[in-house]
Amino acid sequence: MPYRYREDIATADAAFEAWDATPEGMFATAAQATLGVMVADPEALAPREHRTFSLRADDLEMLLFEFLQEILFYKDAEQLLLRPGALNIEIESGGCRLQAEMHGEAIQPQRQELLVDVKAVTLHRFAAAWRDGAWRAFVILDI
């Protein structure tokens, strides 16, 4: 899951680029990068809780935006840090759909090294598209 944080973009926010060969891989990588802003070791999150959800948007870019916002919703509403399991994206002429299976665990400061709280995904410079032989995303998170 390749991604890199961009510290040269914003001083009060967190920015990253994520890429993969498939849209699902790009979504999973962007989710991992988002979690990496909040917790030091996202890979260490145990799969104790499971959630599934479906999302629909006019295009892939807005579908990614909604997906990352959904991860933040579960963090805020249910105090859950969720990682993607199975993701399925359908791109059609009328829009895009995502079916997501997520797993993770409740926020436990005594067990997890928490970093910063991500408040929202911003639309500033937000992008998700096929470019240079891969699906690529650019995301700025409001922290």
N, C-alpha and C. Protein backbone atom coordinates (compact mmCIF):
# COMPACT_ATOMS: atom_id res chain seq x y z
N MET A 1 0.83 -1.18 0.00
CA MET A 1 0.00 0.00 0.00
C MET A 1 0.87 1.24 0.00
N PRO A 2 1.20 1.76 -1.14
CA PRO A 2 2.09 2.92 -1.18
C PRO A 2 1.36 4.25 -0.91
N TYR A 3 1.94 5.00 0.00
CA TYR A 3 1.49 6.37 0.23
C TYR A 3 2.65 7.13 0.84
N ARG A 4 2.56 8.45 0.76
CA ARG A 4 3.56 9.29 1.41
C ARG A 4 2.89 10.55 1.91
N TYR A 5 3.35 10.99 3.07
CA TYR A 5 2.84 12.22 3.64
C TYR A 5 3.57 13.39 3.02
N ARG A 6 2.85 14.49 2.82
CA ARG A 6 3.40 15.68 2.20
C ARG A 6 3.41 16.81 3.22
N GLU A 7 4.51 17.00 3.88
CA GLU A 7 4.62 18.02 4.91
C GLU A 7 4.84 19.42 4.33
N ASP A 8 5.06 19.49 3.02
CA ASP A 8 5.31 20.77 2.37
C ASP A 8 4.03 21.44 1.89
N ILE A 9 2.88 20.85 2.16
CA ILE A 9 1.61 21.36 1.63
C ILE A 9 0.91 22.31 2.60
N ALA A 10 0.75 21.88 3.84
CA ALA A 10 0.01 22.70 4.81
C ALA A 10 0.63 22.51 6.19
N THR A 11 0.72 23.59 6.95
CA THR A 11 1.33 23.49 8.27
C THR A 11 0.33 23.08 9.35
N ALA A 12 -0.92 23.42 9.21
CA ALA A 12 -1.92 23.11 10.23
C ALA A 12 -2.76 21.88 9.87
N ASP A 13 -2.49 21.26 8.76
CA ASP A 13 -3.24 20.10 8.31
C ASP A 13 -2.26 18.98 7.97
N ALA A 14 -2.82 17.83 7.64
CA ALA A 14 -1.99 16.70 7.19
C ALA A 14 -2.36 16.40 5.75
N ALA A 15 -1.36 16.22 4.90
CA ALA A 15 -1.60 15.94 3.48
C ALA A 15 -0.87 14.65 3.11
N PHE A 16 -1.48 13.91 2.17
CA PHE A 16 -0.81 12.71 1.68
C PHE A 16 -1.21 12.42 0.24
N GLU A 17 -0.36 11.65 -0.41
CA GLU A 17 -0.65 11.07 -1.71
C GLU A 17 -0.73 9.57 -1.51
N ALA A 18 -1.70 8.94 -2.18
CA ALA A 18 -1.85 7.48 -2.11
C ALA A 18 -2.06 6.97 -3.52
N TRP A 19 -1.54 5.77 -3.81
CA TRP A 19 -1.70 5.23 -5.16
C TRP A 19 -1.71 3.72 -5.14
N ASP A 20 -2.32 3.15 -6.17
CA ASP A 20 -2.36 1.70 -6.33
C ASP A 20 -2.80 1.39 -7.76
N ALA A 21 -2.69 0.14 -8.13
CA ALA A 21 -3.07 -0.29 -9.48
C ALA A 21 -4.58 -0.38 -9.68
N THR A 22 -5.34 -0.47 -8.59
CA THR A 22 -6.80 -0.58 -8.69
C THR A 22 -7.46 0.52 -7.87
N PRO A 23 -8.71 0.87 -8.20
CA PRO A 23 -9.41 1.85 -7.36
C PRO A 23 -9.55 1.36 -5.92
N GLU A 24 -9.86 0.07 -5.74
CA GLU A 24 -10.01 -0.47 -4.39
C GLU A 24 -8.71 -0.35 -3.60
N GLY A 25 -7.59 -0.62 -4.28
CA GLY A 25 -6.29 -0.48 -3.62
C GLY A 25 -5.99 0.96 -3.24
N MET A 26 -6.34 1.89 -4.12
CA MET A 26 -6.14 3.31 -3.80
C MET A 26 -6.98 3.70 -2.59
N PHE A 27 -8.24 3.24 -2.54
CA PHE A 27 -9.10 3.54 -1.40
C PHE A 27 -8.50 2.97 -0.12
N ALA A 28 -8.05 1.71 -0.16
CA ALA A 28 -7.47 1.08 1.03
C ALA A 28 -6.21 1.81 1.48
N THR A 29 -5.40 2.23 0.53
CA THR A 29 -4.17 2.95 0.85
C THR A 29 -4.48 4.31 1.45
N ALA A 30 -5.47 5.01 0.91
CA ALA A 30 -5.87 6.31 1.46
C ALA A 30 -6.43 6.15 2.87
N ALA A 31 -7.18 5.07 3.10
CA ALA A 31 -7.69 4.80 4.45
C ALA A 31 -6.54 4.55 5.41
N GLN A 32 -5.55 3.79 4.98
CA GLN A 32 -4.39 3.49 5.81
C GLN A 32 -3.62 4.77 6.14
N ALA A 33 -3.45 5.64 5.16
CA ALA A 33 -2.76 6.91 5.39
C ALA A 33 -3.54 7.79 6.36
N THR A 34 -4.86 7.80 6.22
CA THR A 34 -5.71 8.58 7.14
C THR A 34 -5.56 8.06 8.56
N LEU A 35 -5.63 6.74 8.73
CA LEU A 35 -5.45 6.15 10.06
C LEU A 35 -4.05 6.43 10.60
N GLY A 36 -3.06 6.45 9.72
CA GLY A 36 -1.68 6.72 10.15
C GLY A 36 -1.48 8.11 10.69
N VAL A 37 -2.36 9.03 10.38
CA VAL A 37 -2.31 10.37 10.96
C VAL A 37 -2.83 10.33 12.39
N MET A 38 -3.77 9.42 12.65
CA MET A 38 -4.44 9.36 13.96
C MET A 38 -3.77 8.42 14.96
N VAL A 39 -3.18 7.33 14.48
CA VAL A 39 -2.61 6.31 15.36
C VAL A 39 -1.26 5.89 14.80
N ALA A 40 -0.29 5.68 15.69
CA ALA A 40 1.08 5.41 15.26
C ALA A 40 1.22 4.12 14.46
N ASP A 41 0.44 3.08 14.80
CA ASP A 41 0.58 1.81 14.10
C ASP A 41 -0.79 1.26 13.70
N PRO A 42 -1.33 1.71 12.57
CA PRO A 42 -2.65 1.23 12.15
C PRO A 42 -2.69 -0.28 11.95
N GLU A 43 -1.57 -0.88 11.59
CA GLU A 43 -1.52 -2.33 11.37
C GLU A 43 -1.79 -3.10 12.66
N ALA A 44 -1.55 -2.48 13.81
CA ALA A 44 -1.73 -3.15 15.09
C ALA A 44 -3.18 -3.16 15.56
N LEU A 45 -4.06 -2.47 14.85
CA LEU A 45 -5.47 -2.45 15.25
C LEU A 45 -6.05 -3.86 15.09
N ALA A 46 -6.57 -4.39 16.17
CA ALA A 46 -7.13 -5.74 16.16
C ALA A 46 -8.52 -5.73 15.51
N PRO A 47 -8.87 -6.78 14.77
CA PRO A 47 -10.18 -6.84 14.10
C PRO A 47 -11.30 -7.28 15.05
N ARG A 48 -11.50 -6.52 16.12
CA ARG A 48 -12.52 -6.86 17.13
C ARG A 48 -13.92 -6.41 16.74
N GLU A 49 -14.00 -5.35 15.99
CA GLU A 49 -15.30 -4.79 15.56
C GLU A 49 -15.36 -4.83 14.04
N HIS A 50 -16.56 -5.08 13.52
CA HIS A 50 -16.76 -5.13 12.07
C HIS A 50 -17.94 -4.23 11.70
N ARG A 51 -17.78 -3.52 10.61
CA ARG A 51 -18.86 -2.70 10.08
C ARG A 51 -18.87 -2.86 8.56
N THR A 52 -20.06 -2.85 7.99
CA THR A 52 -20.19 -2.83 6.53
C THR A 52 -21.05 -1.63 6.16
N PHE A 53 -20.74 -1.05 5.03
CA PHE A 53 -21.55 0.06 4.54
C PHE A 53 -21.42 0.17 3.03
N SER A 54 -22.39 0.82 2.45
CA SER A 54 -22.42 1.10 1.02
C SER A 54 -22.47 2.60 0.82
N LEU A 55 -21.79 3.07 -0.19
CA LEU A 55 -21.80 4.49 -0.53
C LEU A 55 -22.00 4.64 -2.02
N ARG A 56 -22.55 5.76 -2.42
CA ARG A 56 -22.76 6.07 -3.82
C ARG A 56 -22.38 7.53 -4.04
N ALA A 57 -21.76 7.81 -5.17
CA ALA A 57 -21.38 9.19 -5.52
C ALA A 57 -21.40 9.34 -7.03
N ASP A 58 -21.38 10.58 -7.48
CA ASP A 58 -21.41 10.86 -8.91
C ASP A 58 -20.14 10.43 -9.64
N ASP A 59 -19.00 10.45 -8.91
CA ASP A 59 -17.74 10.04 -9.54
C ASP A 59 -16.82 9.42 -8.50
N LEU A 60 -15.72 8.86 -8.96
CA LEU A 60 -14.79 8.16 -8.07
C LEU A 60 -14.16 9.10 -7.05
N GLU A 61 -13.87 10.31 -7.47
CA GLU A 61 -13.27 11.29 -6.58
C GLU A 61 -14.16 11.54 -5.36
N MET A 62 -15.45 11.80 -5.61
CA MET A 62 -16.36 12.06 -4.50
C MET A 62 -16.65 10.79 -3.71
N LEU A 63 -16.56 9.64 -4.34
CA LEU A 63 -16.73 8.38 -3.62
C LEU A 63 -15.60 8.20 -2.61
N LEU A 64 -14.38 8.52 -3.01
CA LEU A 64 -13.25 8.45 -2.08
C LEU A 64 -13.45 9.44 -0.93
N PHE A 65 -13.86 10.64 -1.24
CA PHE A 65 -14.12 11.65 -0.21
C PHE A 65 -15.14 11.11 0.80
N GLU A 66 -16.26 10.56 0.31
CA GLU A 66 -17.30 10.02 1.20
C GLU A 66 -16.78 8.85 2.02
N PHE A 67 -15.95 8.00 1.41
CA PHE A 67 -15.39 6.85 2.10
C PHE A 67 -14.51 7.29 3.27
N LEU A 68 -13.63 8.24 3.04
CA LEU A 68 -12.76 8.71 4.11
C LEU A 68 -13.57 9.42 5.20
N GLN A 69 -14.59 10.16 4.80
CA GLN A 69 -15.48 10.79 5.78
C GLN A 69 -16.21 9.73 6.62
N GLU A 70 -16.58 8.62 6.02
CA GLU A 70 -17.25 7.54 6.74
C GLU A 70 -16.32 6.95 7.81
N ILE A 71 -15.06 6.81 7.50
CA ILE A 71 -14.09 6.33 8.49
C ILE A 71 -14.04 7.29 9.67
N LEU A 72 -14.05 8.58 9.39
CA LEU A 72 -14.04 9.59 10.46
C LEU A 72 -15.36 9.59 11.23
N PHE A 73 -16.47 9.33 10.54
CA PHE A 73 -17.76 9.23 11.22
C PHE A 73 -17.73 8.14 12.28
N TYR A 74 -17.24 6.96 11.94
CA TYR A 74 -17.18 5.86 12.91
C TYR A 74 -16.23 6.19 14.06
N LYS A 75 -15.15 6.90 13.76
CA LYS A 75 -14.24 7.32 14.82
C LYS A 75 -14.94 8.26 15.79
N ASP A 76 -15.70 9.20 15.27
CA ASP A 76 -16.38 10.18 16.12
C ASP A 76 -17.65 9.64 16.78
N ALA A 77 -18.47 8.94 16.03
CA ALA A 77 -19.78 8.49 16.53
C ALA A 77 -19.69 7.25 17.42
N GLU A 78 -18.80 6.33 17.07
CA GLU A 78 -18.72 5.06 17.80
C GLU A 78 -17.37 4.82 18.45
N GLN A 79 -16.47 5.80 18.34
CA GLN A 79 -15.12 5.67 18.92
C GLN A 79 -14.39 4.45 18.38
N LEU A 80 -14.54 4.18 17.07
CA LEU A 80 -13.91 3.04 16.42
C LEU A 80 -12.85 3.50 15.42
N LEU A 81 -11.73 2.81 15.42
CA LEU A 81 -10.72 2.99 14.40
C LEU A 81 -10.83 1.79 13.47
N LEU A 82 -11.27 2.05 12.24
CA LEU A 82 -11.56 0.97 11.30
C LEU A 82 -10.62 0.99 10.10
N ARG A 83 -10.19 -0.22 9.73
CA ARG A 83 -9.36 -0.42 8.54
C ARG A 83 -10.18 -1.16 7.51
N PRO A 84 -9.90 -0.94 6.23
CA PRO A 84 -10.65 -1.68 5.21
C PRO A 84 -10.27 -3.15 5.17
N GLY A 85 -11.29 -3.97 4.99
CA GLY A 85 -11.09 -5.37 4.69
C GLY A 85 -11.35 -5.52 3.21
N ALA A 86 -12.53 -5.99 2.86
CA ALA A 86 -12.90 -6.13 1.46
C ALA A 86 -13.58 -4.86 0.96
N LEU A 87 -13.12 -4.37 -0.18
CA LEU A 87 -13.73 -3.21 -0.84
C LEU A 87 -14.11 -3.61 -2.25
N ASN A 88 -15.30 -3.20 -2.66
CA ASN A 88 -15.73 -3.46 -4.04
C ASN A 88 -16.29 -2.16 -4.61
N ILE A 89 -15.72 -1.71 -5.71
CA ILE A 89 -16.16 -0.48 -6.35
C ILE A 89 -16.70 -0.81 -7.73
N GLU A 90 -17.86 -0.26 -8.02
CA GLU A 90 -18.46 -0.37 -9.36
C GLU A 90 -18.55 1.01 -9.96
N ILE A 91 -17.92 1.17 -11.11
CA ILE A 91 -17.96 2.45 -11.82
C ILE A 91 -18.91 2.29 -13.00
N GLU A 92 -19.95 3.12 -13.00
CA GLU A 92 -20.97 3.06 -14.05
C GLU A 92 -21.14 4.45 -14.66
N SER A 93 -21.87 4.52 -15.72
CA SER A 93 -22.08 5.82 -16.37
C SER A 93 -22.85 6.79 -15.48
N GLY A 94 -23.70 6.29 -14.61
CA GLY A 94 -24.49 7.16 -13.73
C GLY A 94 -23.84 7.45 -12.39
N GLY A 95 -22.63 6.96 -12.17
CA GLY A 95 -21.96 7.21 -10.90
C GLY A 95 -21.16 6.01 -10.45
N CYS A 96 -20.78 6.02 -9.20
CA CYS A 96 -19.94 4.97 -8.63
C CYS A 96 -20.56 4.47 -7.33
N ARG A 97 -20.33 3.19 -7.07
CA ARG A 97 -20.81 2.59 -5.82
C ARG A 97 -19.66 1.86 -5.13
N LEU A 98 -19.70 1.90 -3.81
CA LEU A 98 -18.72 1.21 -3.00
C LEU A 98 -19.44 0.33 -1.99
N GLN A 99 -18.99 -0.89 -1.87
CA GLN A 99 -19.40 -1.79 -0.79
C GLN A 99 -18.15 -2.03 0.03
N ALA A 100 -18.20 -1.71 1.33
CA ALA A 100 -17.01 -1.80 2.17
C ALA A 100 -17.27 -2.68 3.38
N GLU A 101 -16.32 -3.55 3.66
CA GLU A 101 -16.28 -4.31 4.90
C GLU A 101 -15.07 -3.79 5.67
N MET A 102 -15.31 -3.31 6.87
CA MET A 102 -14.27 -2.68 7.67
C MET A 102 -14.09 -3.44 8.98
N HIS A 103 -12.89 -3.38 9.53
CA HIS A 103 -12.65 -4.01 10.82
C HIS A 103 -11.65 -3.17 11.60
N GLY A 104 -11.74 -3.28 12.92
CA GLY A 104 -10.84 -2.52 13.77
C GLY A 104 -11.24 -2.68 15.22
N GLU A 105 -10.96 -1.65 15.99
CA GLU A 105 -11.25 -1.74 17.42
C GLU A 105 -11.57 -0.36 17.99
N ALA A 106 -12.10 -0.39 19.20
CA ALA A 106 -12.44 0.85 19.90
C ALA A 106 -11.16 1.61 20.24
N ILE A 107 -11.27 2.92 20.29
CA ILE A 107 -10.15 3.76 20.69
C ILE A 107 -9.82 3.46 22.15
N GLN A 108 -8.55 3.10 22.39
CA GLN A 108 -8.06 2.77 23.73
C GLN A 108 -6.70 3.44 23.92
N PRO A 109 -6.68 4.65 24.45
CA PRO A 109 -5.41 5.38 24.58
C PRO A 109 -4.34 4.61 25.36
N GLN A 110 -4.75 3.75 26.27
CA GLN A 110 -3.77 2.99 27.05
C GLN A 110 -3.12 1.89 26.21
N ARG A 111 -3.76 1.50 25.10
CA ARG A 111 -3.24 0.42 24.26
C ARG A 111 -2.66 0.93 22.94
N GLN A 112 -3.19 2.01 22.43
CA GLN A 112 -2.76 2.54 21.14
C GLN A 112 -2.01 3.85 21.34
N GLU A 113 -1.00 4.07 20.52
CA GLU A 113 -0.32 5.35 20.55
C GLU A 113 -1.07 6.30 19.63
N LEU A 114 -1.94 7.12 20.23
CA LEU A 114 -2.73 8.06 19.45
C LEU A 114 -1.89 9.28 19.12
N LEU A 115 -2.06 9.80 17.92
CA LEU A 115 -1.28 10.94 17.46
C LEU A 115 -2.12 12.21 17.47
N VAL A 116 -2.89 12.47 16.44
CA VAL A 116 -3.74 13.65 16.38
C VAL A 116 -5.16 13.23 15.98
N ASP A 117 -6.09 14.09 16.29
CA ASP A 117 -7.48 13.83 15.91
C ASP A 117 -7.75 14.46 14.55
N VAL A 118 -8.17 13.67 13.61
CA VAL A 118 -8.55 14.20 12.30
C VAL A 118 -10.01 14.62 12.39
N LYS A 119 -10.28 15.88 12.09
CA LYS A 119 -11.64 16.40 12.17
C LYS A 119 -12.43 16.15 10.89
N ALA A 120 -11.77 16.28 9.74
CA ALA A 120 -12.49 16.16 8.47
C ALA A 120 -11.53 15.98 7.31
N VAL A 121 -12.08 15.49 6.23
CA VAL A 121 -11.38 15.46 4.95
C VAL A 121 -11.75 16.77 4.25
N THR A 122 -10.78 17.47 3.70
CA THR A 122 -11.09 18.73 3.04
C THR A 122 -11.20 18.51 1.53
N LEU A 123 -11.88 19.39 0.88
CA LEU A 123 -11.96 19.36 -0.59
C LEU A 123 -10.85 20.18 -1.23
N HIS A 124 -10.10 20.91 -0.41
CA HIS A 124 -8.99 21.71 -0.93
C HIS A 124 -7.95 20.80 -1.58
N ARG A 125 -7.75 20.95 -2.87
CA ARG A 125 -6.79 20.19 -3.68
C ARG A 125 -7.08 18.69 -3.71
N PHE A 126 -8.26 18.28 -3.25
CA PHE A 126 -8.62 16.87 -3.23
C PHE A 126 -8.68 16.34 -4.67
N ALA A 127 -8.10 15.16 -4.89
CA ALA A 127 -8.10 14.58 -6.23
C ALA A 127 -8.01 13.06 -6.13
N ALA A 128 -8.66 12.39 -7.07
CA ALA A 128 -8.55 10.94 -7.22
C ALA A 128 -8.80 10.64 -8.69
N ALA A 129 -7.79 10.06 -9.35
CA ALA A 129 -7.91 9.79 -10.79
C ALA A 129 -6.83 8.82 -11.24
N TRP A 130 -7.02 8.28 -12.42
CA TRP A 130 -6.01 7.45 -13.08
C TRP A 130 -4.98 8.40 -13.68
N ARG A 131 -3.72 8.25 -13.27
CA ARG A 131 -2.67 9.13 -13.76
C ARG A 131 -1.33 8.42 -13.67
N ASP A 132 -0.54 8.53 -14.69
CA ASP A 132 0.81 7.96 -14.71
C ASP A 132 0.82 6.47 -14.39
N GLY A 133 -0.14 5.73 -14.93
CA GLY A 133 -0.16 4.28 -14.79
C GLY A 133 -0.67 3.75 -13.47
N ALA A 134 -1.36 4.58 -12.67
CA ALA A 134 -1.90 4.12 -11.39
C ALA A 134 -3.10 4.98 -11.00
N TRP A 135 -3.91 4.45 -10.10
CA TRP A 135 -4.97 5.25 -9.48
C TRP A 135 -4.30 6.05 -8.37
N ARG A 136 -4.45 7.37 -8.41
CA ARG A 136 -3.75 8.25 -7.47
C ARG A 136 -4.73 9.19 -6.78
N ALA A 137 -4.45 9.40 -5.50
CA ALA A 137 -5.27 10.32 -4.70
C ALA A 137 -4.36 11.34 -4.02
N PHE A 138 -4.86 12.54 -3.87
CA PHE A 138 -4.21 13.57 -3.09
C PHE A 138 -5.24 14.08 -2.08
N VAL A 139 -4.88 14.03 -0.80
CA VAL A 139 -5.86 14.33 0.27
C VAL A 139 -5.22 15.25 1.30
N ILE A 140 -6.00 16.23 1.75
CA ILE A 140 -5.61 17.06 2.88
C ILE A 140 -6.64 16.84 3.98
N LEU A 141 -6.15 16.52 5.18
CA LEU A 141 -7.01 16.28 6.33
C LEU A 141 -6.93 17.44 7.29
N ASP A 142 -8.08 17.87 7.79
CA ASP A 142 -8.15 18.93 8.78
C ASP A 142 -7.90 18.31 10.16
N ILE A 143 -6.83 18.77 10.82
CA ILE A 143 -6.51 18.20 12.14
C ILE A 143 -6.61 19.26 13.23
